[in-house]
């Protein structure tokens, strides 16, 4: 009757090591990230129309590229003339 019962409680850390590892991984990835390039300035409607005419004169007749395709190319590069020419 004089025997005492002993209870052993084991505590295992669960979240701390994983949280630390995740934080280290995020820091490592942050160092690798490069900043996004600045978007080109927004063109006015007049500038866009001028660029459309220029691309149409340059590509539609010479290479038989439909006007719609030329305009899609211009829109996809935000009316950046150099990028549009590379795309064509």
N, C-alpha and C. Protein backbone atom coordinates (compact mmCIF):
# COMPACT_ATOMS: atom_id res chain seq x y z
N UNK A 1 0.79 -1.19 0.00
CA UNK A 1 0.00 0.00 0.00
C UNK A 1 0.83 1.26 0.00
N UNK A 2 1.99 1.20 0.38
CA UNK A 2 2.82 2.37 0.46
C UNK A 2 3.50 2.73 -0.86
N UNK A 3 3.22 1.97 -1.90
CA UNK A 3 3.85 2.26 -3.18
C UNK A 3 3.20 3.48 -3.83
N UNK A 4 4.08 4.33 -4.40
CA UNK A 4 3.59 5.51 -5.11
C UNK A 4 3.67 5.26 -6.60
N UNK A 5 2.72 5.79 -7.25
CA UNK A 5 2.69 5.67 -8.70
C UNK A 5 3.40 6.87 -9.31
N UNK A 6 4.32 6.62 -10.24
CA UNK A 6 5.04 7.69 -10.89
C UNK A 6 4.52 7.85 -12.32
N UNK A 7 4.31 9.09 -12.68
CA UNK A 7 3.84 9.39 -14.02
C UNK A 7 4.94 10.18 -14.73
N UNK A 8 5.31 9.72 -15.88
CA UNK A 8 6.34 10.39 -16.65
C UNK A 8 5.67 11.10 -17.83
N UNK A 9 5.90 12.41 -17.93
CA UNK A 9 5.32 13.19 -19.01
C UNK A 9 6.46 13.61 -19.92
N UNK A 10 6.34 13.25 -21.20
CA UNK A 10 7.34 13.61 -22.18
C UNK A 10 6.81 14.78 -23.02
N UNK A 11 7.64 15.78 -23.20
CA UNK A 11 7.26 16.94 -23.99
C UNK A 11 8.20 17.02 -25.18
N UNK A 12 7.61 17.04 -26.36
CA UNK A 12 8.38 17.14 -27.59
C UNK A 12 8.09 18.49 -28.25
N UNK A 13 9.13 19.25 -28.58
CA UNK A 13 8.87 20.51 -29.30
C UNK A 13 8.38 20.17 -30.71
N UNK A 14 7.34 20.83 -31.14
CA UNK A 14 6.78 20.48 -32.45
C UNK A 14 6.94 21.59 -33.48
N UNK A 15 6.59 22.81 -33.17
CA UNK A 15 6.54 23.86 -34.19
C UNK A 15 7.82 24.65 -34.34
N UNK A 16 8.59 24.80 -33.32
CA UNK A 16 9.74 25.72 -33.35
C UNK A 16 10.79 25.35 -34.41
N UNK A 17 11.28 24.13 -34.49
CA UNK A 17 12.32 23.85 -35.49
C UNK A 17 11.82 24.05 -36.93
N UNK A 18 10.58 23.63 -37.20
CA UNK A 18 10.06 23.79 -38.55
C UNK A 18 9.89 25.27 -38.89
N UNK A 19 9.44 26.04 -37.92
CA UNK A 19 9.25 27.47 -38.13
C UNK A 19 10.58 28.14 -38.42
N UNK A 20 11.60 27.75 -37.67
CA UNK A 20 12.94 28.31 -37.87
C UNK A 20 13.48 27.94 -39.26
N UNK A 21 13.28 26.70 -39.67
CA UNK A 21 13.75 26.25 -40.98
C UNK A 21 13.02 27.00 -42.09
N UNK A 22 11.72 27.21 -41.91
CA UNK A 22 10.95 27.93 -42.93
C UNK A 22 11.44 29.37 -43.03
N UNK A 23 11.72 30.00 -41.91
CA UNK A 23 12.20 31.38 -41.90
C UNK A 23 13.56 31.47 -42.61
N UNK A 24 14.44 30.51 -42.34
CA UNK A 24 15.76 30.49 -43.00
C UNK A 24 15.60 30.33 -44.51
N UNK A 25 14.68 29.45 -44.94
CA UNK A 25 14.46 29.23 -46.37
C UNK A 25 13.91 30.50 -47.02
N UNK A 26 12.99 31.19 -46.35
CA UNK A 26 12.44 32.43 -46.90
C UNK A 26 13.53 33.49 -47.03
N UNK A 27 14.42 33.58 -46.06
CA UNK A 27 15.53 34.54 -46.13
C UNK A 27 16.46 34.20 -47.30
N UNK A 28 16.73 32.92 -47.48
CA UNK A 28 17.61 32.49 -48.57
C UNK A 28 16.98 32.84 -49.93
N UNK A 29 15.69 32.59 -50.07
CA UNK A 29 15.01 32.90 -51.33
C UNK A 29 14.92 34.40 -51.56
N UNK A 30 14.75 35.18 -50.51
CA UNK A 30 14.66 36.63 -50.64
C UNK A 30 15.95 37.20 -51.19
N UNK A 31 17.08 36.61 -50.83
CA UNK A 31 18.37 37.08 -51.34
C UNK A 31 18.50 36.84 -52.85
N UNK A 32 17.86 35.78 -53.35
CA UNK A 32 17.97 35.43 -54.76
C UNK A 32 17.04 36.26 -55.64
N UNK A 33 15.97 36.80 -55.06
CA UNK A 33 14.99 37.53 -55.85
C UNK A 33 15.60 38.77 -56.48
N UNK A 34 15.21 39.02 -57.70
CA UNK A 34 15.65 40.24 -58.36
C UNK A 34 14.43 41.15 -58.49
N UNK A 35 14.64 42.43 -58.38
CA UNK A 35 13.50 43.33 -58.49
C UNK A 35 12.93 43.31 -59.91
N UNK A 36 11.62 43.50 -60.01
CA UNK A 36 10.97 43.53 -61.31
C UNK A 36 11.34 44.81 -62.04
N UNK A 37 11.48 44.73 -63.36
CA UNK A 37 11.81 45.95 -64.11
C UNK A 37 10.62 46.91 -64.07
N UNK A 38 10.94 48.19 -64.18
CA UNK A 38 9.88 49.20 -64.19
C UNK A 38 9.07 49.05 -65.47
N UNK A 39 7.75 49.15 -65.37
CA UNK A 39 6.96 49.09 -66.60
C UNK A 39 7.19 50.36 -67.42
N UNK A 40 7.08 50.24 -68.73
CA UNK A 40 7.29 51.43 -69.57
C UNK A 40 6.19 52.45 -69.29
N UNK A 41 6.47 53.72 -69.55
CA UNK A 41 5.45 54.74 -69.30
C UNK A 41 4.23 54.50 -70.19
N UNK A 42 3.08 54.87 -69.68
CA UNK A 42 1.83 54.69 -70.41
C UNK A 42 1.80 55.64 -71.60
N UNK A 43 1.51 55.10 -72.75
CA UNK A 43 1.47 55.90 -73.98
C UNK A 43 0.09 56.53 -74.14
N UNK A 44 0.08 57.70 -74.75
CA UNK A 44 -1.20 58.36 -75.03
C UNK A 44 -1.85 57.68 -76.24
N UNK A 45 -3.11 57.96 -76.47
CA UNK A 45 -3.81 57.38 -77.62
C UNK A 45 -3.15 57.82 -78.93
N UNK A 46 -2.69 59.04 -78.97
CA UNK A 46 -2.03 59.55 -80.17
C UNK A 46 -0.73 58.78 -80.44
N UNK A 47 0.05 58.54 -79.38
CA UNK A 47 1.30 57.78 -79.54
C UNK A 47 1.02 56.34 -79.97
N UNK A 48 -0.02 55.75 -79.39
CA UNK A 48 -0.38 54.38 -79.76
C UNK A 48 -0.78 54.30 -81.23
N UNK A 49 -1.60 55.25 -81.67
CA UNK A 49 -2.04 55.26 -83.07
C UNK A 49 -0.86 55.44 -84.01
N UNK A 50 0.06 56.32 -83.65
CA UNK A 50 1.25 56.55 -84.46
C UNK A 50 2.08 55.27 -84.57
N UNK A 51 2.23 54.58 -83.46
CA UNK A 51 2.99 53.33 -83.44
C UNK A 51 2.28 52.24 -84.25
N UNK A 52 0.95 52.20 -84.16
CA UNK A 52 0.19 51.23 -84.96
C UNK A 52 0.44 51.46 -86.46
N UNK A 53 0.37 52.72 -86.88
CA UNK A 53 0.59 53.04 -88.30
C UNK A 53 2.00 52.64 -88.73
N UNK A 54 2.96 52.95 -87.86
CA UNK A 54 4.36 52.63 -88.17
C UNK A 54 4.56 51.12 -88.34
N UNK A 55 4.00 50.34 -87.42
CA UNK A 55 4.14 48.89 -87.49
C UNK A 55 3.38 48.34 -88.71
N UNK A 56 2.22 48.91 -88.98
CA UNK A 56 1.43 48.46 -90.12
C UNK A 56 2.21 48.70 -91.42
N UNK A 57 2.78 49.90 -91.56
CA UNK A 57 3.56 50.21 -92.76
C UNK A 57 4.78 49.30 -92.89
N UNK A 58 5.37 48.99 -91.77
CA UNK A 58 6.61 48.22 -91.79
C UNK A 58 6.36 46.73 -92.05
N UNK A 59 5.30 46.15 -91.48
CA UNK A 59 5.14 44.69 -91.52
C UNK A 59 3.97 44.17 -92.36
N UNK A 60 2.89 44.92 -92.45
CA UNK A 60 1.70 44.36 -93.10
C UNK A 60 1.94 44.07 -94.58
N UNK A 61 2.49 45.02 -95.30
CA UNK A 61 2.69 44.84 -96.74
C UNK A 61 3.92 43.96 -97.01
N UNK A 62 5.01 44.27 -96.33
CA UNK A 62 6.27 43.59 -96.60
C UNK A 62 6.21 42.09 -96.23
N UNK A 63 5.61 41.77 -95.08
CA UNK A 63 5.63 40.39 -94.61
C UNK A 63 4.24 39.74 -94.62
N UNK A 64 3.23 40.46 -95.10
CA UNK A 64 1.87 39.95 -95.18
C UNK A 64 1.35 39.49 -93.81
N UNK A 65 1.58 40.31 -92.79
CA UNK A 65 1.10 40.02 -91.44
C UNK A 65 -0.19 40.81 -91.22
N UNK A 66 -1.26 40.16 -90.82
CA UNK A 66 -2.53 40.86 -90.62
C UNK A 66 -2.43 41.97 -89.56
N UNK A 67 -3.20 43.00 -89.80
CA UNK A 67 -3.22 44.16 -88.90
C UNK A 67 -3.57 43.75 -87.47
N UNK A 68 -4.51 42.85 -87.33
CA UNK A 68 -4.93 42.38 -86.01
C UNK A 68 -3.76 41.79 -85.22
N UNK A 69 -2.92 41.02 -85.89
CA UNK A 69 -1.76 40.40 -85.24
C UNK A 69 -0.76 41.48 -84.82
N UNK A 70 -0.57 42.47 -85.66
CA UNK A 70 0.35 43.56 -85.32
C UNK A 70 -0.14 44.30 -84.08
N UNK A 71 -1.43 44.56 -84.01
CA UNK A 71 -1.98 45.28 -82.87
C UNK A 71 -1.89 44.43 -81.59
N UNK A 72 -2.11 43.14 -81.73
CA UNK A 72 -1.98 42.25 -80.57
C UNK A 72 -0.54 42.25 -80.05
N UNK A 73 0.41 42.25 -80.97
CA UNK A 73 1.82 42.27 -80.57
C UNK A 73 2.14 43.56 -79.83
N UNK A 74 1.64 44.67 -80.34
CA UNK A 74 1.88 45.96 -79.67
C UNK A 74 1.27 45.98 -78.27
N UNK A 75 0.05 45.49 -78.16
CA UNK A 75 -0.61 45.48 -76.85
C UNK A 75 0.11 44.57 -75.86
N UNK A 76 0.61 43.46 -76.36
CA UNK A 76 1.25 42.50 -75.45
C UNK A 76 2.56 43.03 -74.86
N UNK A 77 3.19 44.00 -75.53
CA UNK A 77 4.43 44.58 -75.01
C UNK A 77 4.21 46.02 -74.54
N UNK A 78 2.93 46.36 -74.29
CA UNK A 78 2.56 47.68 -73.77
C UNK A 78 3.09 48.82 -74.65
N UNK A 79 3.01 48.60 -75.95
CA UNK A 79 3.39 49.59 -76.96
C UNK A 79 4.85 50.01 -76.87
N UNK A 80 5.71 49.07 -76.49
CA UNK A 80 7.15 49.31 -76.51
C UNK A 80 7.64 48.93 -77.90
N UNK A 81 8.07 49.90 -78.66
CA UNK A 81 8.41 49.68 -80.08
C UNK A 81 9.53 48.65 -80.25
N UNK A 82 10.58 48.75 -79.45
CA UNK A 82 11.70 47.80 -79.58
C UNK A 82 11.24 46.37 -79.32
N UNK A 83 10.49 46.18 -78.27
CA UNK A 83 10.00 44.83 -77.96
C UNK A 83 9.04 44.32 -79.02
N UNK A 84 8.21 45.20 -79.54
CA UNK A 84 7.28 44.80 -80.60
C UNK A 84 8.04 44.34 -81.85
N UNK A 85 9.09 45.07 -82.19
CA UNK A 85 9.89 44.68 -83.36
C UNK A 85 10.58 43.34 -83.13
N UNK A 86 11.06 43.10 -81.92
CA UNK A 86 11.69 41.81 -81.61
C UNK A 86 10.67 40.69 -81.69
N UNK A 87 9.47 40.98 -81.22
CA UNK A 87 8.41 39.98 -81.24
C UNK A 87 8.02 39.62 -82.67
N UNK A 88 8.00 40.60 -83.54
CA UNK A 88 7.63 40.36 -84.94
C UNK A 88 8.77 39.64 -85.65
